[in-house]
Amino acid sequence: MSFPPFFKKQDSSIFLTIKLHPRSTKNDIKISDFSLDIFVKEPPVKGKANQALIRYLSKMFSIPTSSLAIVSGLKSKTKIVSIIGYSTDTILKKIKSIKS
């Protein structure tokens, strides 16, 4: 199975490399063959943008926030988010449905 460059499967976790755009006019997502860009309204102050990212992904994938964690890039625009306990098929189908 071929994964997009921003998607990595390792053991029981899925890792997404995300470019976060804080202080956007609206919460939104742009998915291309090569990147996953997420736009949130919150500013990058006191972790607000990171919290908004986790809430957005939770809603997007219909999974609890406890299944998501930022594992790299807490103070960077490029972040790696882990998803624990879900199949690659479930997450990839959702990504493909948004991209289409």
Protein backbone atom coordinates (compact mmCIF):
# COMPACT_ATOMS: atom_id res chain seq x y z
CA MET A 1 0.00 0.00 0.00
CA SER A 2 1.32 3.42 -0.97
CA PHE A 3 1.00 6.27 1.52
CA PRO A 4 1.17 10.01 0.87
CA PRO A 5 4.46 11.62 1.99
CA PHE A 6 2.81 13.22 5.04
CA PHE A 7 1.47 9.84 6.29
CA LYS A 8 3.55 7.24 8.15
CA LYS A 9 2.50 3.98 9.80
CA GLN A 10 4.66 2.59 12.59
CA ASP A 11 3.60 -0.25 14.87
CA SER A 12 0.09 0.60 16.14
CA SER A 13 0.39 4.34 15.46
CA ILE A 14 -0.15 6.58 12.48
CA PHE A 15 1.95 9.73 12.16
CA LEU A 16 0.85 12.75 10.15
CA THR A 17 3.22 15.56 9.23
CA ILE A 18 1.15 18.72 9.30
CA LYS A 19 1.88 22.32 8.38
CA LEU A 20 -0.16 24.43 10.82
CA HIS A 21 -1.32 27.93 9.86
CA PRO A 22 -2.47 29.79 13.00
CA ARG A 23 -4.41 33.07 12.99
CA SER A 24 -6.31 32.12 9.84
CA THR A 25 -9.66 33.66 8.98
CA LYS A 26 -11.36 30.26 9.37
CA ASN A 27 -10.61 26.68 10.36
CA ASP A 28 -9.87 24.76 7.18
CA ILE A 29 -7.77 22.02 5.64
CA LYS A 30 -5.93 21.70 2.34
CA ILE A 31 -4.72 18.30 1.27
CA SER A 32 -2.54 17.72 -1.75
CA ASP A 33 -0.62 14.67 -2.90
CA PHE A 34 2.39 15.93 -0.95
CA SER A 35 1.21 17.99 2.02
CA LEU A 36 -1.40 18.36 4.72
CA ASP A 37 -2.03 22.00 5.65
CA ILE A 38 -4.40 22.89 8.47
CA PHE A 39 -5.59 26.41 9.14
CA VAL A 40 -6.90 27.42 12.58
CA LYS A 41 -8.24 30.74 13.84
CA GLU A 42 -6.42 30.60 17.17
CA PRO A 43 -3.07 32.36 17.66
CA PRO A 44 0.13 30.47 18.51
CA VAL A 45 0.03 31.72 22.09
CA LYS A 46 0.09 29.48 25.18
CA GLY A 47 -0.61 26.38 23.07
CA LYS A 48 -3.96 27.64 21.77
CA ALA A 49 -3.18 26.83 18.13
CA ASN A 50 -1.95 23.34 19.10
CA GLN A 51 -5.14 22.69 21.07
CA ALA A 52 -7.22 23.90 18.13
CA LEU A 53 -5.29 21.53 15.83
CA ILE A 54 -6.06 18.53 18.06
CA ARG A 55 -9.76 19.49 18.28
CA TYR A 56 -9.92 19.97 14.50
CA LEU A 57 -8.33 16.57 13.78
CA SER A 58 -10.61 14.92 16.33
CA LYS A 59 -13.66 16.31 14.58
CA MET A 60 -12.27 15.60 11.09
CA PHE A 61 -11.54 11.92 11.81
CA SER A 62 -14.45 11.44 14.27
CA ILE A 63 -12.09 10.16 16.96
CA PRO A 64 -11.56 11.25 20.58
CA THR A 65 -8.89 13.85 21.33
CA SER A 66 -7.25 11.30 23.63
CA SER A 67 -6.25 9.30 20.52
CA LEU A 68 -4.25 12.26 19.18
CA ALA A 69 -0.97 13.76 20.35
CA ILE A 70 1.55 16.23 18.98
CA VAL A 71 4.82 14.29 19.21
CA SER A 72 7.08 16.82 17.49
CA GLY A 73 6.98 20.53 16.69
CA LEU A 74 5.12 21.99 19.67
CA LYS A 75 6.67 25.40 18.93
CA SER A 76 6.99 24.98 15.18
CA LYS A 77 4.56 25.35 12.30
CA THR A 78 5.50 21.87 11.08
CA LYS A 79 4.16 19.26 13.48
CA ILE A 80 4.03 15.51 13.71
CA VAL A 81 0.77 14.23 15.17
CA SER A 82 0.27 10.63 16.25
CA ILE A 83 -3.02 8.80 15.99
CA ILE A 84 -3.27 5.75 18.23
CA GLY A 85 -5.72 2.87 17.92
CA TYR A 86 -7.10 3.38 14.41
CA SER A 87 -6.47 1.51 11.19
CA THR A 88 -4.62 3.05 8.29
CA ASP A 89 -7.63 2.31 6.07
CA THR A 90 -9.98 4.34 8.29
CA ILE A 91 -7.69 7.39 8.37
CA LEU A 92 -6.69 7.21 4.69
CA LYS A 93 -10.33 6.92 3.57
CA LYS A 94 -11.20 10.05 5.53
CA ILE A 95 -8.22 11.94 4.07
CA LYS A 96 -9.14 10.86 0.55
CA SER A 97 -12.78 11.89 1.04
CA ILE A 98 -11.69 15.38 2.13
CA LYS A 99 -9.14 15.68 -0.68
CA SER A 100 -11.64 14.73 -3.39
